[in-house]
Amino acid sequence: MAKDRIPGYLMSEKESEGLNLAALEARVDELIRTMEQLSAENEALRAQQAALTMERATLIEKTELARSRIEAMIMRLKSMEIHS
């Protein structure tokens, strides 16, 4: 039978410190795993942000090109309208 289940048994100070140390160690291990997980997630999010920033720049460039082409077409149409 385990000592902690014996009625009236009090843990020694050393046993109590051992349990506290084990709990602290478990908590530190959990925090390390959480930190590693968050670090990996952060890295993935940074990579995604970089990709989206590049995509946005490309789309802005394409939009500006389309805008200038449309403006040029409008100018040609107005020119043709004036000359006819």
N, C-alpha and C. Protein backbone atom coordinates (compact mmCIF):
# COMPACT_ATOMS: atom_id res chain seq x y z
N MET A 1 0.85 -1.18 0.00
CA MET A 1 0.00 0.00 0.00
C MET A 1 0.90 1.24 0.00
N ALA A 2 0.55 2.23 -0.83
CA ALA A 2 1.35 3.44 -0.92
C ALA A 2 1.24 4.24 0.36
N LYS A 3 2.35 4.91 0.71
CA LYS A 3 2.38 5.68 1.95
C LYS A 3 1.34 6.79 1.96
N ASP A 4 1.08 7.40 0.78
CA ASP A 4 0.14 8.51 0.73
C ASP A 4 -1.31 8.06 0.93
N ARG A 5 -1.53 6.76 0.94
CA ARG A 5 -2.89 6.25 1.14
C ARG A 5 -3.09 5.72 2.56
N ILE A 6 -2.06 5.74 3.34
CA ILE A 6 -2.18 5.27 4.72
C ILE A 6 -2.80 6.40 5.54
N PRO A 7 -3.91 6.12 6.20
CA PRO A 7 -4.54 7.16 7.02
C PRO A 7 -3.57 7.69 8.07
N GLY A 8 -3.54 8.98 8.19
CA GLY A 8 -2.70 9.60 9.20
C GLY A 8 -1.25 9.75 8.79
N TYR A 9 -0.88 9.28 7.59
CA TYR A 9 0.51 9.39 7.14
C TYR A 9 0.77 10.81 6.66
N LEU A 10 1.82 11.42 7.14
CA LEU A 10 2.22 12.74 6.68
C LEU A 10 3.50 12.61 5.88
N MET A 11 3.54 13.27 4.75
CA MET A 11 4.75 13.21 3.93
C MET A 11 5.88 13.96 4.62
N SER A 12 7.06 13.43 4.42
CA SER A 12 8.21 14.14 4.96
C SER A 12 8.44 15.38 4.10
N GLU A 13 9.22 16.28 4.63
CA GLU A 13 9.53 17.52 3.90
C GLU A 13 10.24 17.19 2.59
N LYS A 14 11.11 16.20 2.62
CA LYS A 14 11.86 15.79 1.44
C LYS A 14 10.92 15.23 0.37
N GLU A 15 9.97 14.41 0.77
CA GLU A 15 8.99 13.85 -0.17
C GLU A 15 8.14 14.96 -0.78
N SER A 16 7.75 15.91 0.05
CA SER A 16 6.94 17.04 -0.41
C SER A 16 7.71 17.88 -1.42
N GLU A 17 8.99 18.14 -1.12
CA GLU A 17 9.82 18.90 -2.05
C GLU A 17 9.99 18.15 -3.36
N GLY A 18 10.12 16.82 -3.27
CA GLY A 18 10.25 16.00 -4.48
C GLY A 18 9.03 16.10 -5.37
N LEU A 19 7.84 16.10 -4.74
CA LEU A 19 6.60 16.23 -5.50
C LEU A 19 6.51 17.62 -6.13
N ASN A 20 6.87 18.65 -5.37
CA ASN A 20 6.84 20.02 -5.89
C ASN A 20 7.82 20.17 -7.05
N LEU A 21 9.00 19.57 -6.90
CA LEU A 21 10.00 19.64 -7.95
C LEU A 21 9.51 18.90 -9.19
N ALA A 22 8.88 17.76 -9.02
CA ALA A 22 8.35 17.00 -10.15
C ALA A 22 7.25 17.78 -10.85
N ALA A 23 6.39 18.44 -10.08
CA ALA A 23 5.32 19.24 -10.67
C ALA A 23 5.90 20.43 -11.42
N LEU A 24 6.92 21.05 -10.85
CA LEU A 24 7.57 22.18 -11.51
C LEU A 24 8.25 21.73 -12.80
N GLU A 25 8.91 20.59 -12.75
CA GLU A 25 9.57 20.05 -13.94
C GLU A 25 8.55 19.75 -15.04
N ALA A 26 7.42 19.17 -14.67
CA ALA A 26 6.37 18.88 -15.64
C ALA A 26 5.83 20.16 -16.26
N ARG A 27 5.67 21.18 -15.43
CA ARG A 27 5.16 22.48 -15.93
C ARG A 27 6.17 23.13 -16.87
N VAL A 28 7.45 23.06 -16.52
CA VAL A 28 8.50 23.62 -17.39
C VAL A 28 8.52 22.87 -18.72
N ASP A 29 8.42 21.55 -18.68
CA ASP A 29 8.38 20.76 -19.91
C ASP A 29 7.19 21.16 -20.78
N GLU A 30 6.04 21.36 -20.14
CA GLU A 30 4.83 21.77 -20.86
C GLU A 30 5.04 23.15 -21.50
N LEU A 31 5.65 24.06 -20.76
CA LEU A 31 5.92 25.40 -21.28
C LEU A 31 6.90 25.36 -22.46
N ILE A 32 7.89 24.49 -22.37
CA ILE A 32 8.86 24.34 -23.46
C ILE A 32 8.15 23.83 -24.71
N ARG A 33 7.29 22.83 -24.55
CA ARG A 33 6.54 22.30 -25.71
C ARG A 33 5.64 23.39 -26.30
N THR A 34 4.98 24.15 -25.45
CA THR A 34 4.12 25.24 -25.92
C THR A 34 4.94 26.28 -26.67
N MET A 35 6.10 26.63 -26.12
CA MET A 35 6.96 27.62 -26.77
C MET A 35 7.43 27.11 -28.14
N GLU A 36 7.81 25.85 -28.23
CA GLU A 36 8.25 25.28 -29.50
C GLU A 36 7.11 25.29 -30.51
N GLN A 37 5.91 24.94 -30.05
CA GLN A 37 4.74 24.93 -30.94
C GLN A 37 4.44 26.35 -31.43
N LEU A 38 4.46 27.31 -30.53
CA LEU A 38 4.19 28.70 -30.90
C LEU A 38 5.27 29.25 -31.82
N SER A 39 6.50 28.86 -31.58
CA SER A 39 7.60 29.29 -32.43
C SER A 39 7.43 28.77 -33.85
N ALA A 40 7.07 27.50 -33.97
CA ALA A 40 6.84 26.92 -35.30
C ALA A 40 5.65 27.60 -35.99
N GLU A 41 4.59 27.85 -35.23
CA GLU A 41 3.41 28.51 -35.77
C GLU A 41 3.77 29.93 -36.22
N ASN A 42 4.56 30.62 -35.42
CA ASN A 42 4.99 31.98 -35.74
C ASN A 42 5.81 31.99 -37.04
N GLU A 43 6.70 31.03 -37.16
CA GLU A 43 7.52 30.93 -38.38
C GLU A 43 6.64 30.69 -39.60
N ALA A 44 5.66 29.81 -39.47
CA ALA A 44 4.74 29.52 -40.58
C ALA A 44 3.93 30.77 -40.94
N LEU A 45 3.48 31.50 -39.93
CA LEU A 45 2.71 32.72 -40.18
C LEU A 45 3.57 33.79 -40.85
N ARG A 46 4.83 33.89 -40.46
CA ARG A 46 5.73 34.86 -41.09
C ARG A 46 5.95 34.51 -42.56
N ALA A 47 6.11 33.23 -42.85
CA ALA A 47 6.30 32.79 -44.23
C ALA A 47 5.03 33.08 -45.04
N GLN A 48 3.87 32.81 -44.45
CA GLN A 48 2.60 33.08 -45.12
C GLN A 48 2.44 34.58 -45.36
N GLN A 49 2.82 35.38 -44.40
CA GLN A 49 2.73 36.84 -44.54
C GLN A 49 3.64 37.32 -45.68
N ALA A 50 4.84 36.78 -45.75
CA ALA A 50 5.78 37.17 -46.81
C ALA A 50 5.20 36.80 -48.18
N ALA A 51 4.63 35.61 -48.28
CA ALA A 51 4.04 35.17 -49.55
C ALA A 51 2.86 36.07 -49.93
N LEU A 52 2.03 36.39 -48.96
CA LEU A 52 0.87 37.25 -49.24
C LEU A 52 1.30 38.67 -49.60
N THR A 53 2.36 39.14 -48.98
CA THR A 53 2.88 40.48 -49.31
C THR A 53 3.38 40.50 -50.75
N MET A 54 4.08 39.44 -51.16
CA MET A 54 4.56 39.35 -52.54
C MET A 54 3.39 39.27 -53.51
N GLU A 55 2.39 38.46 -53.17
CA GLU A 55 1.21 38.33 -54.02
C GLU A 55 0.49 39.68 -54.15
N ARG A 56 0.38 40.39 -53.06
CA ARG A 56 -0.27 41.71 -53.06
C ARG A 56 0.49 42.67 -53.99
N ALA A 57 1.81 42.67 -53.89
CA ALA A 57 2.61 43.55 -54.75
C ALA A 57 2.40 43.21 -56.22
N THR A 58 2.35 41.92 -56.52
CA THR A 58 2.11 41.48 -57.90
C THR A 58 0.74 41.94 -58.38
N LEU A 59 -0.26 41.78 -57.53
CA LEU A 59 -1.62 42.18 -57.91
C LEU A 59 -1.73 43.70 -58.09
N ILE A 60 -1.04 44.45 -57.25
CA ILE A 60 -1.05 45.91 -57.40
C ILE A 60 -0.41 46.29 -58.73
N GLU A 61 0.69 45.64 -59.05
CA GLU A 61 1.38 45.91 -60.32
C GLU A 61 0.48 45.59 -61.51
N LYS A 62 -0.19 44.44 -61.45
CA LYS A 62 -1.09 44.05 -62.54
C LYS A 62 -2.27 45.03 -62.64
N THR A 63 -2.78 45.47 -61.52
CA THR A 63 -3.89 46.43 -61.51
C THR A 63 -3.47 47.75 -62.15
N GLU A 64 -2.28 48.23 -61.78
CA GLU A 64 -1.78 49.47 -62.36
C GLU A 64 -1.57 49.34 -63.86
N LEU A 65 -1.06 48.21 -64.29
CA LEU A 65 -0.86 47.97 -65.73
C LEU A 65 -2.21 47.96 -66.45
N ALA A 66 -3.19 47.25 -65.89
CA ALA A 66 -4.53 47.20 -66.49
C ALA A 66 -5.14 48.60 -66.53
N ARG A 67 -4.96 49.37 -65.46
CA ARG A 67 -5.50 50.73 -65.40
C ARG A 67 -4.89 51.60 -66.52
N SER A 68 -3.59 51.51 -66.68
CA SER A 68 -2.96 52.35 -67.71
C SER A 68 -3.38 51.91 -69.11
N ARG A 69 -3.56 50.62 -69.31
CA ARG A 69 -4.04 50.14 -70.63
C ARG A 69 -5.46 50.63 -70.90
N ILE A 70 -6.31 50.55 -69.89
CA ILE A 70 -7.69 51.01 -70.05
C ILE A 70 -7.73 52.51 -70.31
N GLU A 71 -6.92 53.26 -69.58
CA GLU A 71 -6.87 54.71 -69.82
C GLU A 71 -6.39 55.02 -71.24
N ALA A 72 -5.42 54.26 -71.72
CA ALA A 72 -4.92 54.45 -73.09
C ALA A 72 -6.02 54.14 -74.09
N MET A 73 -6.79 53.07 -73.85
CA MET A 73 -7.89 52.72 -74.76
C MET A 73 -8.96 53.81 -74.76
N ILE A 74 -9.26 54.34 -73.59
CA ILE A 74 -10.26 55.41 -73.49
C ILE A 74 -9.78 56.63 -74.27
N MET A 75 -8.52 56.97 -74.14
CA MET A 75 -7.97 58.11 -74.88
C MET A 75 -8.06 57.88 -76.38
N ARG A 76 -7.75 56.66 -76.84
CA ARG A 76 -7.85 56.35 -78.28
C ARG A 76 -9.29 56.45 -78.75
N LEU A 77 -10.22 55.92 -77.95
CA LEU A 77 -11.63 55.99 -78.32
C LEU A 77 -12.11 57.44 -78.41
N LYS A 78 -11.71 58.27 -77.44
CA LYS A 78 -12.09 59.68 -77.49
C LYS A 78 -11.48 60.36 -78.70
N SER A 79 -10.25 60.00 -79.02
CA SER A 79 -9.57 60.56 -80.18
C SER A 79 -10.29 60.17 -81.45
N MET A 80 -10.71 58.90 -81.53
CA MET A 80 -11.43 58.44 -82.71
C MET A 80 -12.80 59.14 -82.82
N GLU A 81 -13.41 59.38 -81.68
CA GLU A 81 -14.72 60.02 -81.64
C GLU A 81 -14.60 61.47 -82.13
N ILE A 82 -13.54 62.13 -81.73
CA ILE A 82 -13.34 63.51 -82.14
C ILE A 82 -13.06 63.62 -83.64
N HIS A 83 -12.32 62.67 -84.18
CA HIS A 83 -11.94 62.70 -85.59
C HIS A 83 -13.03 62.17 -86.53
N SER A 84 -14.07 61.66 -86.02
CA SER A 84 -15.09 61.11 -86.92
C SER A 84 -16.26 62.01 -87.10
